[in-house]
Amino acid sequence: MKTLVIIPTFNEAENISQLIDKVLKQDFNIDILVIDDNSPDGTGKIVAEISTNNRRVHLIEREGKLGLGSAYITGFKYALTKDYEMIVEMDGDFSHNPENLKDMLIAIGDYDVVIGSRYIYGVSVVYWPFRRLLLSYFASLYVRIITGMKIYDPTAGFIAYRRGVLKTIDLNHIMSDGYSFQVEMKYRLWLKKFRIKEIPIIFTDRTRGQSKMSKKIVHEAIWMVWKLKFLAITKKL
């Protein structure tokens, strides 16, 4: 299956070369699209140089830090203009293990969406501060209770979609941007009754670079869940 792995980046110069190499080694049908938000550390320049020598690596450079959700939407639109059968979201900091791509692409043979889940069998997170782990775990529980989704890791960012799934979503009307983007996408697909499969992964906190998490992102996610629930009840989602 021809697959596009979308990797949004902002200041990932320490990780991106090695990550690209490891992702491409998983399957010769995998291409990579890096969406760089004008990283001051030169991430975009590194990817641009790699792409000149490797036709499987593509780059979209944006003018500034425009957000995670808009980066993925840009990537989805790009993928849908090409002939990719599978589209994958993936972080650029090695928190998602490239070796899990093989398992995800096998699993999606019987499903529409596959989620690399941190919480399907307890907690599978390594090196996170305890406070952040609690925040993430209870945020997932919070989302599940309010929305009713039967998804253990609704804030997960390691996801494989079939092409046809993304074509059913009006990408111009996605409301969220930060980590609530992940919740909104899953909720929309869950409401459409797509076949969603979670497979266990071990999520490893970054060892190089800095986390992009902020209080603003957390607050957005808290209130967006209620907005999504209201729109679903009123049949406007």
C-alpha atoms as a PDB file:
ATOM      1  CA  MET A   1       0.000   0.000   0.000  1.00  0.00           C
ATOM      2  CA  LYS A   2       1.416   3.345  -0.964  1.00  0.00           C
ATOM      3  CA  THR A   3       1.677   5.298   2.287  1.00  0.00           C
ATOM      4  CA  LEU A   4       2.433   8.895   3.213  1.00  0.00           C
ATOM      5  CA  VAL A   5       3.805   9.590   6.702  1.00  0.00           C
ATOM      6  CA  ILE A   6       3.149  13.211   7.704  1.00  0.00           C
ATOM      7  CA  ILE A   7       5.583  14.714  10.208  1.00  0.00           C
ATOM      8  CA  PRO A   8       4.980  18.283  11.430  1.00  0.00           C
ATOM      9  CA  THR A   9       8.152  19.933  12.702  1.00  0.00           C
ATOM     10  CA  PHE A  10       9.263  22.960  14.655  1.00  0.00           C
ATOM     11  CA  ASN A  11      12.870  22.934  15.848  1.00  0.00           C
ATOM     12  CA  GLU A  12      13.545  19.231  15.290  1.00  0.00           C
ATOM     13  CA  ALA A  13      16.990  19.590  13.685  1.00  0.00           C
ATOM     14  CA  GLU A  14      18.458  17.179  16.241  1.00  0.00           C
ATOM     15  CA  ASN A  15      16.012  14.420  15.317  1.00  0.00           C
ATOM     16  CA  ILE A  16      14.771  14.781  11.766  1.00  0.00           C
ATOM     17  CA  SER A  17      17.561  13.201   9.695  1.00  0.00           C
ATOM     18  CA  GLN A  18      17.673  10.030  11.769  1.00  0.00           C
ATOM     19  CA  LEU A  19      13.882   9.860  11.954  1.00  0.00           C
ATOM     20  CA  ILE A  20      13.493  10.113   8.186  1.00  0.00           C
ATOM     21  CA  ASP A  21      16.056   7.354   7.702  1.00  0.00           C
ATOM     22  CA  LYS A  22      14.320   5.005  10.148  1.00  0.00           C
ATOM     23  CA  VAL A  23      10.828   5.648   8.758  1.00  0.00           C
ATOM     24  CA  LEU A  24      11.889   4.983   5.156  1.00  0.00           C
ATOM     25  CA  LYS A  25      13.509   1.694   6.188  1.00  0.00           C
ATOM     26  CA  GLN A  26      10.193   0.288   7.445  1.00  0.00           C
ATOM     27  CA  ASP A  27       8.676  -0.212   3.979  1.00  0.00           C
ATOM     28  CA  PHE A  28       9.700   0.775   0.463  1.00  0.00           C
ATOM     29  CA  ASN A  29       6.094   1.934  -0.181  1.00  0.00           C
ATOM     30  CA  ILE A  30       6.395   4.675   2.459  1.00  0.00           C
ATOM     31  CA  ASP A  31       6.954   8.313   1.503  1.00  0.00           C
ATOM     32  CA  ILE A  32       7.438  11.144   4.000  1.00  0.00           C
ATOM     33  CA  LEU A  33       5.980  14.641   4.016  1.00  0.00           C
ATOM     34  CA  VAL A  34       7.588  17.026   6.503  1.00  0.00           C
ATOM     35  CA  ILE A  35       5.614  20.180   7.239  1.00  0.00           C
ATOM     36  CA  ASP A  36       8.004  22.641   8.818  1.00  0.00           C
ATOM     37  CA  ASP A  37       6.819  25.860  10.451  1.00  0.00           C
ATOM     38  CA  ASN A  38       9.893  27.938   9.614  1.00  0.00           C
ATOM     39  CA  SER A  39      12.017  26.352  12.340  1.00  0.00           C
ATOM     40  CA  PRO A  40      14.740  28.756  13.560  1.00  0.00           C
ATOM     41  CA  ASP A  41      17.101  25.810  14.090  1.00  0.00           C
ATOM     42  CA  GLY A  42      17.175  24.951  10.371  1.00  0.00           C
ATOM     43  CA  THR A  43      14.992  21.822  10.376  1.00  0.00           C
ATOM     44  CA  GLY A  44      13.477  22.814   7.031  1.00  0.00           C
ATOM     45  CA  LYS A  45      16.894  23.261   5.426  1.00  0.00           C
ATOM     46  CA  ILE A  46      17.952  19.789   6.543  1.00  0.00           C
ATOM     47  CA  VAL A  47      14.814  18.224   5.053  1.00  0.00           C
ATOM     48  CA  ALA A  48      15.155  20.243   1.852  1.00  0.00           C
ATOM     49  CA  GLU A  49      18.666  18.887   1.374  1.00  0.00           C
ATOM     50  CA  ILE A  50      17.514  15.308   2.002  1.00  0.00           C
ATOM     51  CA  SER A  51      14.593  15.704  -0.425  1.00  0.00           C
ATOM     52  CA  THR A  52      16.895  16.785  -3.270  1.00  0.00           C
ATOM     53  CA  ASN A  53      18.564  13.373  -3.108  1.00  0.00           C
ATOM     54  CA  ASN A  54      15.562  11.230  -2.190  1.00  0.00           C
ATOM     55  CA  ARG A  55      12.315  11.293  -4.152  1.00  0.00           C
ATOM     56  CA  ARG A  56      10.455   9.661  -1.246  1.00  0.00           C
ATOM     57  CA  VAL A  57      10.948  12.723   0.979  1.00  0.00           C
ATOM     58  CA  HIS A  58       8.806  15.832   0.485  1.00  0.00           C
ATOM     59  CA  LEU A  59       8.721  19.177   2.264  1.00  0.00           C
ATOM     60  CA  ILE A  60       6.165  21.917   2.769  1.00  0.00           C
ATOM     61  CA  GLU A  61       7.624  25.013   4.421  1.00  0.00           C
ATOM     62  CA  ARG A  62       5.190  27.383   6.112  1.00  0.00           C
ATOM     63  CA  GLU A  63       5.763  30.995   7.094  1.00  0.00           C
ATOM     64  CA  GLY A  64       5.614  30.504  10.841  1.00  0.00           C
ATOM     65  CA  LYS A  65       4.384  28.433  13.748  1.00  0.00           C
ATOM     66  CA  LEU A  66       0.796  27.868  12.604  1.00  0.00           C
ATOM     67  CA  GLY A  67      -0.117  24.912  14.806  1.00  0.00           C
ATOM     68  CA  LEU A  68      -0.275  21.137  14.862  1.00  0.00           C
ATOM     69  CA  GLY A  69      -3.812  20.741  13.563  1.00  0.00           C
ATOM     70  CA  SER A  70      -3.342  23.029  10.585  1.00  0.00           C
ATOM     71  CA  ALA A  71      -0.105  21.217   9.744  1.00  0.00           C
ATOM     72  CA  TYR A  72      -1.882  17.875   9.580  1.00  0.00           C
ATOM     73  CA  ILE A  73      -4.746  19.335   7.562  1.00  0.00           C
ATOM     74  CA  THR A  74      -2.203  20.692   5.090  1.00  0.00           C
ATOM     75  CA  GLY A  75      -0.666  17.231   4.934  1.00  0.00           C
ATOM     76  CA  PHE A  76      -4.017  15.497   4.480  1.00  0.00           C
ATOM     77  CA  LYS A  77      -4.923  17.799   1.592  1.00  0.00           C
ATOM     78  CA  TYR A  78      -1.560  17.125  -0.012  1.00  0.00           C
ATOM     79  CA  ALA A  79      -2.016  13.358   0.334  1.00  0.00           C
ATOM     80  CA  LEU A  80      -5.483  13.462  -1.192  1.00  0.00           C
ATOM     81  CA  THR A  81      -4.143  15.186  -4.304  1.00  0.00           C
ATOM     82  CA  LYS A  82      -1.760  12.255  -4.794  1.00  0.00           C
ATOM     83  CA  ASP A  83      -2.351   8.504  -5.066  1.00  0.00           C
ATOM     84  CA  TYR A  84      -1.580   7.507  -1.460  1.00  0.00           C
ATOM     85  CA  GLU A  85      -3.789   4.744  -0.081  1.00  0.00           C
ATOM     86  CA  MET A  86      -2.770   5.230   3.565  1.00  0.00           C
ATOM     87  CA  ILE A  87      -1.951   8.427   5.428  1.00  0.00           C
ATOM     88  CA  VAL A  88      -0.150   8.373   8.783  1.00  0.00           C
ATOM     89  CA  GLU A  89       0.300  11.060  11.465  1.00  0.00           C
ATOM     90  CA  MET A  90       3.554  10.880  13.384  1.00  0.00           C
ATOM     91  CA  ASP A  91       5.532  13.108  15.766  1.00  0.00           C
ATOM     92  CA  GLY A  92       8.973  14.361  14.812  1.00  0.00           C
ATOM     93  CA  ASP A  93      10.744  13.694  18.113  1.00  0.00           C
ATOM     94  CA  PHE A  94      10.989   9.862  18.272  1.00  0.00           C
ATOM     95  CA  SER A  95       8.211   9.615  20.853  1.00  0.00           C
ATOM     96  CA  HIS A  96       6.588   7.401  18.208  1.00  0.00           C
ATOM     97  CA  ASN A  97       8.754   4.429  17.293  1.00  0.00           C
ATOM     98  CA  PRO A  98       9.077   4.071  13.487  1.00  0.00           C
ATOM     99  CA  GLU A  99       9.133   0.292  13.895  1.00  0.00           C
ATOM    100  CA  ASN A 100       5.455   0.419  14.936  1.00  0.00           C
ATOM    101  CA  LEU A 101       4.559   1.555  11.408  1.00  0.00           C
ATOM    102  CA  LYS A 102       4.729  -2.045  10.195  1.00  0.00           C
ATOM    103  CA  ASP A 103       2.182  -3.184  12.791  1.00  0.00           C
ATOM    104  CA  MET A 104      -0.128  -0.278  11.999  1.00  0.00           C
ATOM    105  CA  LEU A 105      -0.088  -0.934   8.262  1.00  0.00           C
ATOM    106  CA  ILE A 106      -0.817  -4.620   8.842  1.00  0.00           C
ATOM    107  CA  ALA A 107      -3.696  -3.842  11.229  1.00  0.00           C
ATOM    108  CA  ILE A 108      -5.332  -1.368   8.887  1.00  0.00           C
ATOM    109  CA  GLY A 109      -5.928  -4.177   6.420  1.00  0.00           C
ATOM    110  CA  ASP A 110      -9.059  -4.989   8.447  1.00  0.00           C
ATOM    111  CA  TYR A 111      -9.927  -1.498   9.729  1.00  0.00           C
ATOM    112  CA  ASP A 112     -10.408   2.074   8.558  1.00  0.00           C
ATOM    113  CA  VAL A 113      -8.319   3.805  11.221  1.00  0.00           C
ATOM    114  CA  VAL A 114      -5.514   2.443  13.403  1.00  0.00           C
ATOM    115  CA  ILE A 115      -4.353   4.257  16.532  1.00  0.00           C
ATOM    116  CA  GLY A 116      -1.015   3.679  18.215  1.00  0.00           C
ATOM    117  CA  SER A 117      -2.362   3.616  21.768  1.00  0.00           C
ATOM    118  CA  ARG A 118      -0.534   4.421  25.010  1.00  0.00           C
ATOM    119  CA  TYR A 119      -3.387   3.299  27.260  1.00  0.00           C
ATOM    120  CA  ILE A 120      -5.132   0.302  25.742  1.00  0.00           C
ATOM    121  CA  TYR A 121      -3.319  -2.098  28.087  1.00  0.00           C
ATOM    122  CA  GLY A 122      -2.676   0.054  31.138  1.00  0.00           C
ATOM    123  CA  VAL A 123      -0.024   2.740  30.655  1.00  0.00           C
ATOM    124  CA  SER A 124       2.806   2.388  28.116  1.00  0.00           C
ATOM    125  CA  VAL A 125       4.742   5.625  28.509  1.00  0.00           C
ATOM    126  CA  VAL A 126       8.468   5.885  29.198  1.00  0.00           C
ATOM    127  CA  TYR A 127      10.435   8.789  30.732  1.00  0.00           C
ATOM    128  CA  TRP A 128       7.512  11.192  31.141  1.00  0.00           C
ATOM    129  CA  PRO A 129       7.401  13.228  34.367  1.00  0.00           C
ATOM    130  CA  PHE A 130       4.751  11.756  36.654  1.00  0.00           C
ATOM    131  CA  ARG A 131       2.713  14.975  36.589  1.00  0.00           C
ATOM    132  CA  ARG A 132       2.517  14.985  32.796  1.00  0.00           C
ATOM    133  CA  LEU A 133       1.644  11.302  32.722  1.00  0.00           C
ATOM    134  CA  LEU A 134      -1.267  11.898  35.092  1.00  0.00           C
ATOM    135  CA  LEU A 135      -2.413  14.875  33.010  1.00  0.00           C
ATOM    136  CA  SER A 136      -2.398  12.837  29.808  1.00  0.00           C
ATOM    137  CA  TYR A 137      -4.062   9.754  31.323  1.00  0.00           C
ATOM    138  CA  PHE A 138      -6.861  11.657  33.023  1.00  0.00           C
ATOM    139  CA  ALA A 139      -7.330  13.883  29.971  1.00  0.00           C
ATOM    140  CA  SER A 140      -8.007  10.737  27.960  1.00  0.00           C
ATOM    141  CA  LEU A 141     -10.444   9.512  30.603  1.00  0.00           C
ATOM    142  CA  TYR A 142     -12.128  12.961  30.642  1.00  0.00           C
ATOM    143  CA  VAL A 143     -12.605  12.854  26.856  1.00  0.00           C
ATOM    144  CA  ARG A 144     -13.996   9.322  26.934  1.00  0.00           C
ATOM    145  CA  ILE A 145     -16.542  10.152  29.641  1.00  0.00           C
ATOM    146  CA  ILE A 146     -17.834  13.310  27.945  1.00  0.00           C
ATOM    147  CA  THR A 147     -17.928  12.056  24.364  1.00  0.00           C
ATOM    148  CA  GLY A 148     -18.751   8.416  24.991  1.00  0.00           C
ATOM    149  CA  MET A 149     -16.031   7.297  22.596  1.00  0.00           C
ATOM    150  CA  LYS A 150     -14.829   3.750  23.133  1.00  0.00           C
ATOM    151  CA  ILE A 151     -11.238   4.781  22.467  1.00  0.00           C
ATOM    152  CA  TYR A 152      -8.669   4.401  25.237  1.00  0.00           C
ATOM    153  CA  ASP A 153      -6.254   7.004  23.865  1.00  0.00           C
ATOM    154  CA  PRO A 154      -8.343   9.753  22.225  1.00  0.00           C
ATOM    155  CA  THR A 155      -5.468  12.256  22.366  1.00  0.00           C
ATOM    156  CA  ALA A 156      -3.020   9.932  20.570  1.00  0.00           C
ATOM    157  CA  GLY A 157      -1.038  11.407  17.702  1.00  0.00           C
ATOM    158  CA  PHE A 158       0.231   8.238  15.997  1.00  0.00           C
ATOM    159  CA  ILE A 159      -2.581   7.323  13.623  1.00  0.00           C
ATOM    160  CA  ALA A 160      -3.046   5.608  10.252  1.00  0.00           C
ATOM    161  CA  TYR A 161      -6.030   6.450   8.054  1.00  0.00           C
ATOM    162  CA  ARG A 162      -7.356   4.906   4.908  1.00  0.00           C
ATOM    163  CA  ARG A 163      -7.614   7.447   2.113  1.00  0.00           C
ATOM    164  CA  GLY A 164     -11.391   7.067   1.885  1.00  0.00           C
ATOM    165  CA  VAL A 165     -11.784   7.978   5.557  1.00  0.00           C
ATOM    166  CA  LEU A 166     -10.181  11.387   5.166  1.00  0.00           C
ATOM    167  CA  LYS A 167     -12.227  12.080   2.045  1.00  0.00           C
ATOM    168  CA  THR A 168     -15.396  11.972   4.169  1.00  0.00           C
ATOM    169  CA  ILE A 169     -14.187  14.804   6.418  1.00  0.00           C
ATOM    170  CA  ASP A 170     -14.588  18.445   5.410  1.00  0.00           C
ATOM    171  CA  LEU A 171     -11.064  19.441   6.346  1.00  0.00           C
ATOM    172  CA  ASN A 172     -11.880  23.131   5.970  1.00  0.00           C
ATOM    173  CA  HIS A 173     -14.299  22.887   8.898  1.00  0.00           C
ATOM    174  CA  ILE A 174     -12.000  21.320  11.489  1.00  0.00           C
ATOM    175  CA  MET A 175     -12.235  23.644  14.502  1.00  0.00           C
ATOM    176  CA  SER A 176      -9.324  22.498  16.663  1.00  0.00           C
ATOM    177  CA  ASP A 177      -5.635  23.067  16.335  1.00  0.00           C
ATOM    178  CA  GLY A 178      -3.527  21.867  19.274  1.00  0.00           C
ATOM    179  CA  TYR A 179      -3.917  18.450  20.859  1.00  0.00           C
ATOM    180  CA  SER A 180      -7.685  18.865  20.759  1.00  0.00           C
ATOM    181  CA  PHE A 181      -7.299  18.373  17.004  1.00  0.00           C
ATOM    182  CA  GLN A 182      -6.581  14.719  17.739  1.00  0.00           C
ATOM    183  CA  VAL A 183      -9.767  14.429  19.768  1.00  0.00           C
ATOM    184  CA  GLU A 184     -11.901  16.150  17.138  1.00  0.00           C
ATOM    185  CA  MET A 185     -10.665  13.926  14.319  1.00  0.00           C
ATOM    186  CA  LYS A 186     -11.337  10.741  16.281  1.00  0.00           C
ATOM    187  CA  TYR A 187     -14.735  11.952  17.440  1.00  0.00           C
ATOM    188  CA  ARG A 188     -15.844  12.815  13.907  1.00  0.00           C
ATOM    189  CA  LEU A 189     -14.746   9.403  12.642  1.00  0.00           C
ATOM    190  CA  TRP A 190     -16.307   7.598  15.603  1.00  0.00           C
ATOM    191  CA  LEU A 191     -19.628   9.348  14.929  1.00  0.00           C
ATOM    192  CA  LYS A 192     -19.402   8.186  11.320  1.00  0.00           C
ATOM    193  CA  LYS A 193     -19.009   4.629  12.641  1.00  0.00           C
ATOM    194  CA  PHE A 194     -15.723   3.881  10.937  1.00  0.00           C
ATOM    195  CA  ARG A 195     -13.894   0.769  12.062  1.00  0.00           C
ATOM    196  CA  ILE A 196     -11.288   2.030  14.532  1.00  0.00           C
ATOM    197  CA  LYS A 197      -8.584  -0.217  15.957  1.00  0.00           C
ATOM    198  CA  GLU A 198      -6.151   0.590  18.767  1.00  0.00           C
ATOM    199  CA  ILE A 199      -2.863  -1.265  18.907  1.00  0.00           C
ATOM    200  CA  PRO A 200      -0.413  -0.970  21.818  1.00  0.00           C
ATOM    201  CA  ILE A 201       2.739   1.096  21.456  1.00  0.00           C
ATOM    202  CA  ILE A 202       5.385   2.235  23.907  1.00  0.00           C
ATOM    203  CA  PHE A 203       5.471   6.016  23.904  1.00  0.00           C
ATOM    204  CA  THR A 204       8.907   7.395  24.761  1.00  0.00           C
ATOM    205  CA  ASP A 205       9.394  11.000  25.802  1.00  0.00           C
ATOM    206  CA  ARG A 206      11.789  12.977  23.647  1.00  0.00           C
ATOM    207  CA  THR A 207      15.463  12.832  24.596  1.00  0.00           C
ATOM    208  CA  ARG A 208      16.496  15.753  22.369  1.00  0.00           C
ATOM    209  CA  GLY A 209      14.783  19.095  21.760  1.00  0.00           C
ATOM    210  CA  GLN A 210      11.974  20.661  23.763  1.00  0.00           C
ATOM    211  CA  SER A 211       8.345  19.691  24.316  1.00  0.00           C
ATOM    212  CA  LYS A 212       5.684  21.790  22.546  1.00  0.00           C
ATOM    213  CA  MET A 213       3.092  21.274  25.319  1.00  0.00           C
ATOM    214  CA  SER A 214       1.698  24.454  26.911  1.00  0.00           C
ATOM    215  CA  LYS A 215      -1.118  25.561  29.234  1.00  0.00           C
ATOM    216  CA  LYS A 216      -2.889  27.144  26.265  1.00  0.00           C
ATOM    217  CA  ILE A 217      -3.010  23.778  24.490  1.00  0.00           C
ATOM    218  CA  VAL A 218      -4.416  22.089  27.592  1.00  0.00           C
ATOM    219  CA  HIS A 219      -7.118  24.732  28.103  1.00  0.00           C
ATOM    220  CA  GLU A 220      -8.154  24.535  24.461  1.00  0.00           C
ATOM    221  CA  ALA A 221      -8.579  20.787  24.723  1.00  0.00           C
ATOM    222  CA  ILE A 222     -10.671  21.015  27.923  1.00  0.00           C
ATOM    223  CA  TRP A 223     -13.265  23.334  26.394  1.00  0.00           C
ATOM    224  CA  MET A 224     -13.222  21.905  22.886  1.00  0.00           C
ATOM    225  CA  VAL A 225     -14.484  18.548  24.135  1.00  0.00           C
ATOM    226  CA  TRP A 226     -17.686  20.177  25.397  1.00  0.00           C
ATOM    227  CA  LYS A 227     -18.108  22.080  22.147  1.00  0.00           C
ATOM    228  CA  LEU A 228     -17.762  18.881  20.136  1.00  0.00           C
ATOM    229  CA  LYS A 229     -20.286  17.101  22.350  1.00  0.00           C
ATOM    230  CA  PHE A 230     -22.804  19.947  21.964  1.00  0.00           C
ATOM    231  CA  LEU A 231     -22.407  19.995  18.177  1.00  0.00           C
ATOM    232  CA  ALA A 232     -22.868  16.227  18.045  1.00  0.00           C
ATOM    233  CA  ILE A 233     -26.069  16.408  20.114  1.00  0.00           C
ATOM    234  CA  THR A 234     -27.450  19.157  17.854  1.00  0.00           C
ATOM    235  CA  LYS A 235     -26.450  17.188  14.725  1.00  0.00           C
ATOM    236  CA  LYS A 236     -24.130  19.941  13.558  1.00  0.00           C
ATOM    237  CA  LEU A 237     -20.914  17.926  13.629  1.00  0.00           C
END
